[in-house]
Amino acid sequence: HLWCLFSPLLLPPLQPHHRHHHSQPSIPPNSTTAAAGSQINSNSVLVALLDSHYTELAELVEKALLLHTLEQAVGNHNLTIFAPRNEALPTGQKTVDSAEIVRPDDVTRPDGVIHGIERLLVPQSVQEDFNRRRNLRSISAVIPEGAPEVDPRTHRLKKPAAAAAVPVGAPPVLPIYDALAPGPSLAPAPAPGPGGPHHHFDGHSQVKDFIHTLLHYGGYNEMADILVNLTSLATEMGRLVSEGYVLTVLAPNDEAMAKLTTDQLSEPGAPEQIIYYHIIPEYQTEESMYNAVRRFGKVKYDTLRLPHKVTAQEADGSVKFGSGDVSAYLFDPDIYTDGRISVQGIDGILFPETEAAEPLRKPASPVKVVTKARRGN
């Protein structure tokens, strides 16, 4: 926007429109003002605007319908004009919000003009509403009829389950973060599907399968080692999948995991907390995440490390997680997708924003890895 100060008149800011050419506005040197009845001679400051250094400003004055106002002011006052030269006015790319105008004046009609832009504009209120609805409550299952009553303070059964069995395949009773709490599981029944002895989803087998896929894919040995040897997360994830929950794992590759220090992994519960921040309690593929960030700019996903969320945005034709120096790109998409578990390879370790201020130190000693054949071998 171009702001000009004409003294002693206080005028609103001039907002330039797209210019096709640099035509000089018509300011008759001998025009008569309506207010004072005097003529504007060739030495007028308004005529000086037609100088070759200020033609852009003169054109903006004319387009903003301020010429008549200035002519009246010249008759009554001496004006001081702070006029930017032509080279000072902005030219080149023009944008609307975050969208570049790629086809200016694409369609011109007497009652309006159409400019072509390179992406969809989404109001901020729509984007905020989308992220607000992406929380664990909105994606948690509805309690089916006949499910046992749960004490909200202790997450325990208030009374024994009803005699009528909950139908097989009914959605889980509790949100996933409650299912992670200690105590007996309250899920009504395993989700239907292949793999189990009664044609139910066998979550433990599925987790074992995706870990083997990581090892066979190559470059993710340290992630698999943490899941299997340093924690009981593989067992926990298998139980959740058996009870009908879905998971998306953002798996850091070996190069990223090598930046963790022994101290960071040896603190009680530290490996679990690191991995929990890389697990999204939704089923997302590379395509679904990329489409979301392309449409909404930034998307915040819940993680199993409550209450921390991980931010995703479009960058360089891919999906970028985190922010600042502590960020990671979706590096190996869709390593494993079976409808219940999705594994997306990333090239960095993610930490919540509250912890991201502390840079990762180089490891004092290498982290133990599971030795498996790498991809292509």
Protein backbone atom coordinates (compact mmCIF):
# COMPACT_ATOMS: atom_id res chain seq x y z
CA HIS A 1 0.00 0.00 0.00
CA LEU A 2 1.15 3.53 -0.79
CA TRP A 3 0.72 6.17 1.93
CA CYS A 4 1.12 9.79 0.92
CA LEU A 5 0.78 12.87 3.14
CA PHE A 6 -0.60 16.00 1.57
CA SER A 7 -0.39 18.97 3.94
CA PRO A 8 -2.50 20.68 5.18
CA LEU A 9 -5.15 18.22 3.95
CA LEU A 10 -5.26 14.80 5.68
CA LEU A 11 -6.20 12.26 3.03
CA PRO A 12 -6.90 8.52 3.29
CA PRO A 13 -4.28 6.02 2.10
CA LEU A 14 -4.11 5.33 -1.59
CA GLN A 15 -4.43 1.69 -2.55
CA PRO A 16 -2.95 1.08 -6.00
CA HIS A 17 -4.62 -1.20 -8.51
CA HIS A 18 -2.74 -3.33 -11.02
CA ARG A 19 -1.24 -1.13 -13.70
CA HIS A 20 -0.95 -2.16 -17.34
CA HIS A 21 1.08 0.85 -18.44
CA HIS A 22 2.51 4.08 -17.19
CA SER A 23 0.16 6.56 -18.84
CA GLN A 24 0.20 10.10 -17.54
CA PRO A 25 -3.06 11.26 -15.94
CA SER A 26 -4.72 14.25 -17.44
CA ILE A 27 -4.28 17.29 -15.20
CA PRO A 28 -5.15 20.33 -17.32
CA PRO A 29 -2.65 23.05 -16.42
CA ASN A 30 -5.25 25.75 -16.83
CA SER A 31 -8.19 23.96 -15.15
CA THR A 32 -10.40 26.06 -12.90
CA THR A 33 -11.05 24.96 -9.33
CA ALA A 34 -14.64 24.67 -8.21
CA ALA A 35 -14.04 26.13 -4.75
CA ALA A 36 -11.79 29.11 -5.24
CA GLY A 37 -12.49 29.95 -8.87
CA SER A 38 -8.77 30.45 -9.55
CA GLN A 39 -6.77 28.82 -12.30
CA ILE A 40 -3.94 26.33 -11.84
CA ASN A 41 -0.94 27.66 -13.70
CA SER A 42 1.92 25.69 -15.17
CA ASN A 43 4.00 26.22 -12.04
CA SER A 44 1.46 24.41 -9.84
CA VAL A 45 2.69 21.62 -7.60
CA LEU A 46 0.02 19.37 -9.16
CA VAL A 47 1.48 19.93 -12.61
CA ALA A 48 4.88 18.97 -11.19
CA LEU A 49 3.48 15.52 -10.44
CA LEU A 50 3.52 14.94 -14.18
CA ASP A 51 7.31 15.01 -14.07
CA SER A 52 8.74 11.73 -15.34
CA HIS A 53 9.97 10.79 -11.85
CA TYR A 54 6.49 10.89 -10.30
CA THR A 55 4.12 9.64 -13.01
CA GLU A 56 3.30 6.50 -10.98
CA LEU A 57 2.09 8.62 -8.05
CA ALA A 58 0.11 10.92 -10.34
CA GLU A 59 -1.65 7.90 -11.82
CA LEU A 60 -2.53 6.62 -8.36
CA VAL A 61 -3.95 10.03 -7.39
CA GLU A 62 -6.18 9.98 -10.44
CA LYS A 63 -7.33 6.39 -9.88
CA ALA A 64 -8.08 7.12 -6.24
CA LEU A 65 -10.41 9.97 -7.33
CA LEU A 66 -8.40 12.49 -5.34
CA LEU A 67 -7.51 14.81 -8.22
CA HIS A 68 -10.54 17.06 -7.77
CA THR A 69 -9.89 17.26 -4.02
CA LEU A 70 -6.31 18.34 -4.61
CA GLU A 71 -7.36 20.93 -7.20
CA GLN A 72 -9.66 22.47 -4.62
CA ALA A 73 -6.89 22.42 -2.01
CA VAL A 74 -4.44 24.21 -4.31
CA GLY A 75 -6.84 27.11 -4.56
CA ASN A 76 -6.98 27.54 -0.79
CA HIS A 77 -3.64 26.31 0.57
CA ASN A 78 -0.01 25.71 -0.14
CA LEU A 79 0.54 21.95 -0.34
CA THR A 80 3.50 19.87 0.75
CA ILE A 81 3.60 16.52 -1.06
CA PHE A 82 5.83 13.65 0.01
CA ALA A 83 6.04 11.90 -3.36
CA PRO A 84 7.86 8.59 -3.88
CA ARG A 85 9.69 8.38 -7.16
CA ASN A 86 8.59 5.79 -9.70
CA GLU A 87 11.41 3.39 -8.77
CA ALA A 88 10.32 3.48 -5.11
CA LEU A 89 6.87 2.08 -5.83
CA PRO A 90 6.56 -1.73 -5.53
CA THR A 91 6.48 -3.79 -8.75
CA GLY A 92 6.86 -7.53 -9.33
CA GLN A 93 5.05 -10.36 -7.64
CA LYS A 94 1.70 -9.53 -6.05
CA THR A 95 0.00 -11.77 -3.48
CA VAL A 96 -3.34 -12.09 -1.77
CA ASP A 97 -2.78 -13.50 1.72
CA SER A 98 -0.40 -16.40 0.97
CA ALA A 99 -1.50 -16.90 -2.66
CA GLU A 100 0.49 -15.43 -5.53
CA ILE A 101 -1.44 -13.68 -8.32
CA VAL A 102 -0.26 -15.67 -11.35
CA ARG A 103 -2.71 -14.29 -13.94
CA PRO A 104 -3.50 -10.64 -13.19
CA ASP A 105 -6.49 -9.21 -15.04
CA ASP A 106 -7.26 -12.64 -16.47
CA VAL A 107 -10.84 -11.64 -17.24
CA THR A 108 -11.94 -8.01 -17.50
CA ARG A 109 -15.56 -6.92 -17.72
CA PRO A 110 -17.28 -3.55 -17.31
CA ASP A 111 -18.47 -4.50 -13.85
CA GLY A 112 -15.36 -6.19 -12.51
CA VAL A 113 -12.11 -8.09 -13.04
CA ILE A 114 -10.90 -11.64 -12.29
CA HIS A 115 -7.32 -12.30 -11.15
CA GLY A 116 -5.97 -15.86 -11.27
CA ILE A 117 -4.23 -17.06 -8.07
CA GLU A 118 -2.12 -20.17 -7.51
CA ARG A 119 -3.92 -21.68 -4.53
CA LEU A 120 -7.18 -21.74 -2.62
CA LEU A 121 -7.71 -19.02 -0.02
CA VAL A 122 -9.02 -20.41 3.26
CA PRO A 123 -10.37 -17.91 5.84
CA GLN A 124 -8.50 -17.94 9.14
CA SER A 125 -11.72 -18.75 10.98
CA VAL A 126 -12.23 -21.87 8.84
CA GLN A 127 -8.65 -23.03 9.44
CA GLU A 128 -8.94 -22.46 13.20
CA ASP A 129 -12.24 -24.34 13.30
CA PHE A 130 -10.67 -27.24 11.39
CA ASN A 131 -7.78 -27.50 13.86
CA ARG A 132 -10.14 -27.05 16.82
CA ARG A 133 -12.16 -30.06 15.67
CA ARG A 134 -9.01 -32.16 15.25
CA ASN A 135 -8.82 -33.14 18.91
CA LEU A 136 -9.07 -36.45 20.66
CA ARG A 137 -12.62 -35.88 21.79
CA SER A 138 -13.93 -35.39 18.29
CA ILE A 139 -12.19 -38.52 16.97
CA SER A 140 -12.98 -40.75 19.94
CA ALA A 141 -15.64 -43.37 19.48
CA VAL A 142 -19.20 -43.09 20.73
CA ILE A 143 -20.07 -45.44 23.59
CA PRO A 144 -22.21 -48.23 22.08
CA GLU A 145 -25.45 -49.36 23.66
CA GLY A 146 -24.92 -51.93 26.36
CA ALA A 147 -21.39 -50.81 27.19
CA PRO A 148 -20.39 -50.91 30.87
CA GLU A 149 -20.66 -47.71 32.92
CA VAL A 150 -17.35 -46.06 33.73
CA ASP A 151 -16.51 -43.92 36.74
CA PRO A 152 -15.02 -40.75 35.15
CA ARG A 153 -12.79 -40.16 38.20
CA THR A 154 -11.09 -43.56 38.22
CA HIS A 155 -11.91 -44.90 34.74
CA ARG A 156 -13.04 -48.12 36.42
CA LEU A 157 -16.25 -50.07 35.97
CA LYS A 158 -19.04 -48.90 38.24
CA LYS A 159 -20.69 -52.29 38.09
CA PRO A 160 -20.15 -55.60 36.29
CA ALA A 161 -20.81 -55.62 32.60
CA ALA A 162 -24.36 -56.32 31.51
CA ALA A 163 -25.26 -59.84 30.59
CA ALA A 164 -25.82 -58.87 26.97
CA ALA A 165 -22.46 -58.93 25.24
CA VAL A 166 -21.34 -55.90 23.31
CA PRO A 167 -21.38 -56.65 19.57
CA VAL A 168 -18.04 -57.68 18.14
CA GLY A 169 -16.41 -54.81 16.30
CA ALA A 170 -18.11 -52.07 18.30
CA PRO A 171 -15.99 -48.90 18.64
CA PRO A 172 -13.76 -48.51 21.70
CA VAL A 173 -15.44 -47.14 24.81
CA LEU A 174 -12.72 -44.72 25.89
CA PRO A 175 -10.62 -42.16 24.06
CA ILE A 176 -7.20 -43.53 23.30
CA TYR A 177 -5.41 -41.57 26.02
CA ASP A 178 -7.67 -43.19 28.62
CA ALA A 179 -6.99 -46.60 27.13
CA LEU A 180 -3.30 -45.99 27.83
CA ALA A 181 -3.96 -45.55 31.57
CA PRO A 182 -3.06 -48.40 33.96
CA GLY A 183 -5.79 -50.85 34.79
CA PRO A 184 -7.99 -53.33 32.96
CA SER A 185 -9.01 -52.49 29.43
CA LEU A 186 -12.59 -51.31 28.96
CA ALA A 187 -12.76 -51.83 25.21
CA PRO A 188 -15.92 -53.79 24.38
CA ALA A 189 -14.44 -56.23 21.88
CA PRO A 190 -11.65 -56.62 19.35
CA ALA A 191 -12.26 -54.98 16.00
CA PRO A 192 -13.42 -57.36 13.26
CA GLY A 193 -10.97 -58.29 10.58
CA PRO A 194 -8.51 -60.92 9.38
CA GLY A 195 -5.53 -62.26 11.27
CA GLY A 196 -6.96 -63.44 14.59
CA PRO A 197 -8.30 -66.88 15.50
CA HIS A 198 -11.86 -65.53 15.44
CA HIS A 199 -11.34 -63.31 12.40
CA HIS A 200 -10.60 -60.29 14.53
CA PHE A 201 -7.76 -57.85 14.12
CA ASP A 202 -4.66 -59.22 15.79
CA GLY A 203 -2.95 -56.03 16.84
CA HIS A 204 0.18 -57.72 18.17
CA SER A 205 0.77 -59.46 14.86
CA GLN A 206 0.22 -56.22 12.99
CA VAL A 207 2.75 -54.35 15.15
CA LYS A 208 5.24 -57.16 14.69
CA ASP A 209 4.62 -57.00 10.94
CA PHE A 210 5.23 -53.25 10.69
CA ILE A 211 8.45 -53.52 12.75
CA HIS A 212 9.71 -56.24 10.41
CA THR A 213 8.78 -53.97 7.51
CA LEU A 214 10.87 -51.16 9.03
CA LEU A 215 13.88 -53.48 9.27
CA HIS A 216 13.42 -54.83 5.77
CA TYR A 217 12.97 -51.30 4.36
CA GLY A 218 16.32 -50.29 5.81
CA GLY A 219 17.48 -47.18 7.63
CA TYR A 220 15.11 -47.50 10.63
CA ASN A 221 16.91 -50.05 12.80
CA GLU A 222 17.25 -47.79 15.85
CA MET A 223 13.54 -46.96 15.88
CA ALA A 224 12.74 -50.68 15.80
CA ASP A 225 15.27 -51.31 18.56
CA ILE A 226 13.60 -48.78 20.87
CA LEU A 227 10.16 -50.27 20.23
CA VAL A 228 11.25 -53.85 20.88
CA ASN A 229 14.23 -53.81 23.26
CA LEU A 230 14.24 -50.52 25.20
CA THR A 231 10.51 -50.22 25.87
CA SER A 232 7.29 -52.21 25.98
CA LEU A 233 5.70 -49.92 23.41
CA ALA A 234 5.32 -52.68 20.81
CA THR A 235 3.11 -54.64 23.23
CA GLU A 236 1.14 -51.52 24.16
CA MET A 237 0.58 -50.58 20.51
CA GLY A 238 -0.53 -54.13 19.72
CA ARG A 239 -3.12 -54.00 22.51
CA LEU A 240 -4.50 -50.67 21.29
CA VAL A 241 -4.84 -51.91 17.71
CA SER A 242 -6.57 -55.09 18.89
CA GLU A 243 -9.10 -52.94 20.73
CA GLY A 244 -10.00 -51.00 17.60
CA TYR A 245 -7.74 -47.95 17.75
CA VAL A 246 -5.74 -46.72 14.77
CA LEU A 247 -2.23 -45.24 14.82
CA THR A 248 0.09 -43.27 12.56
CA VAL A 249 3.78 -43.59 13.44
CA LEU A 250 6.21 -40.84 12.43
CA ALA A 251 9.38 -42.94 12.38
CA PRO A 252 12.73 -41.07 12.56
CA ASN A 253 15.44 -42.69 10.46
CA ASP A 254 18.77 -43.92 11.82
CA GLU A 255 20.60 -40.70 10.98
CA ALA A 256 18.11 -38.71 13.05
CA MET A 257 18.11 -41.18 15.95
CA ALA A 258 21.92 -41.03 16.10
CA LYS A 259 21.63 -37.45 17.36
CA LEU A 260 20.04 -38.63 20.61
CA THR A 261 22.46 -38.90 23.48
CA THR A 262 22.75 -41.83 25.86
CA ASP A 263 21.60 -39.55 28.68
CA GLN A 264 18.45 -38.64 26.80
CA LEU A 265 17.53 -42.30 26.35
CA SER A 266 18.60 -43.46 29.82
CA GLU A 267 16.34 -41.13 31.80
CA PRO A 268 13.36 -43.04 33.26
CA GLY A 269 10.51 -43.08 30.78
CA ALA A 270 12.41 -40.92 28.27
CA PRO A 271 12.32 -43.36 25.32
CA GLU A 272 8.59 -43.87 25.76
CA GLN A 273 7.93 -40.11 25.89
CA ILE A 274 10.01 -39.53 22.76
CA ILE A 275 8.16 -42.20 20.81
CA TYR A 276 4.73 -41.18 22.16
CA TYR A 277 5.28 -37.73 20.61
CA HIS A 278 5.81 -39.45 17.25
CA ILE A 279 2.51 -41.40 17.35
CA ILE A 280 -0.71 -39.82 16.06
CA PRO A 281 -3.96 -41.51 17.16
CA GLU A 282 -5.40 -41.27 13.65
CA TYR A 283 -4.90 -43.20 10.44
CA GLN A 284 -3.09 -40.85 8.06
CA THR A 285 -1.32 -41.59 4.81
CA GLU A 286 1.17 -39.38 3.02
CA GLU A 287 -1.57 -38.31 0.60
CA SER A 288 -4.11 -37.40 3.28
CA MET A 289 -1.59 -35.36 5.28
CA TYR A 290 -0.27 -33.55 2.22
CA ASN A 291 -3.77 -32.69 1.04
CA ALA A 292 -4.62 -31.33 4.49
CA VAL A 293 -1.57 -29.06 4.73
CA ARG A 294 -2.00 -27.85 1.15
CA ARG A 295 -5.58 -26.84 1.89
CA PHE A 296 -5.29 -25.46 5.42
CA GLY A 297 -1.67 -24.26 5.59
CA LYS A 298 -0.93 -25.67 9.04
CA VAL A 299 -2.53 -28.65 10.73
CA LYS A 300 -2.05 -29.69 14.36
CA TYR A 301 -2.25 -33.40 15.09
CA ASP A 302 -2.80 -34.87 18.55
CA THR A 303 -0.08 -37.18 19.82
CA LEU A 304 -0.04 -39.89 22.47
CA ARG A 305 2.15 -37.59 24.54
CA LEU A 306 -0.64 -35.47 25.96
CA PRO A 307 -1.29 -32.61 25.78
CA HIS A 308 1.37 -31.94 23.19
CA LYS A 309 0.44 -31.66 19.52
CA VAL A 310 2.68 -31.85 16.47
CA THR A 311 2.33 -29.22 13.76
CA ALA A 312 2.41 -30.15 10.06
CA GLN A 313 2.73 -27.80 7.10
CA GLU A 314 3.50 -27.95 3.41
CA ALA A 315 7.14 -27.32 2.48
CA ASP A 316 9.05 -28.03 -0.72
CA GLY A 317 6.34 -30.30 -2.06
CA SER A 318 6.34 -32.46 1.06
CA VAL A 319 5.01 -32.39 4.63
CA LYS A 320 7.16 -30.72 7.29
CA PHE A 321 6.59 -31.51 10.97
CA GLY A 322 7.60 -29.32 13.90
CA SER A 323 8.99 -25.81 13.62
CA GLY A 324 12.31 -23.98 13.60
CA ASP A 325 15.47 -26.00 14.06
CA VAL A 326 13.57 -28.94 15.57
CA SER A 327 11.66 -30.05 12.49
CA ALA A 328 11.54 -33.02 10.15
CA TYR A 329 10.37 -33.74 6.62
CA LEU A 330 8.24 -36.68 5.53
CA PHE A 331 11.18 -38.49 3.97
CA ASP A 332 9.96 -42.03 3.23
CA PRO A 333 6.16 -41.97 2.72
CA ASP A 334 3.85 -44.91 3.40
CA ILE A 335 6.48 -47.41 4.55
CA TYR A 336 3.63 -49.45 6.05
CA THR A 337 -0.14 -48.96 5.62
CA ASP A 338 -2.68 -51.64 6.46
CA GLY A 339 -5.77 -49.65 7.43
CA ARG A 340 -4.95 -49.75 11.15
CA ILE A 341 -1.28 -48.76 11.36
CA SER A 342 0.44 -46.23 9.11
CA VAL A 343 4.22 -45.69 9.24
CA GLN A 344 5.71 -42.54 7.72
CA GLY A 345 9.50 -42.13 7.68
CA ILE A 346 10.85 -38.72 8.74
CA ASP A 347 14.38 -37.32 8.76
CA GLY A 348 14.48 -35.76 12.23
CA ILE A 349 13.57 -36.17 15.91
CA LEU A 350 10.55 -34.13 17.03
CA PHE A 351 10.16 -32.54 20.44
CA PRO A 352 7.29 -30.44 21.86
CA GLU A 353 7.80 -26.70 21.42
CA THR A 354 8.41 -26.28 25.16
CA GLU A 355 11.41 -28.56 24.90
CA ALA A 356 12.60 -27.56 21.45
CA ALA A 357 14.67 -24.66 22.79
CA GLU A 358 17.37 -27.06 23.97
CA PRO A 359 19.38 -28.15 20.91
CA LEU A 360 20.16 -31.82 20.53
CA ARG A 361 23.68 -32.75 21.54
CA LYS A 362 25.79 -35.17 19.62
CA PRO A 363 25.78 -38.63 21.22
CA ALA A 364 28.53 -39.46 23.62
CA SER A 365 28.27 -43.08 22.56
CA PRO A 366 26.37 -44.76 19.76
CA VAL A 367 22.88 -46.08 20.43
CA LYS A 368 22.51 -49.85 20.19
CA VAL A 369 20.85 -50.91 16.96
CA VAL A 370 19.28 -54.08 15.66
CA THR A 371 21.43 -55.38 12.85
CA LYS A 372 19.27 -56.26 9.88
CA ALA A 373 19.72 -56.24 6.13
CA ARG A 374 19.21 -52.76 4.67
CA ARG A 375 17.05 -51.89 1.72
CA GLY A 376 18.43 -53.15 -1.54
CA ASN A 377 20.71 -55.72 0.09
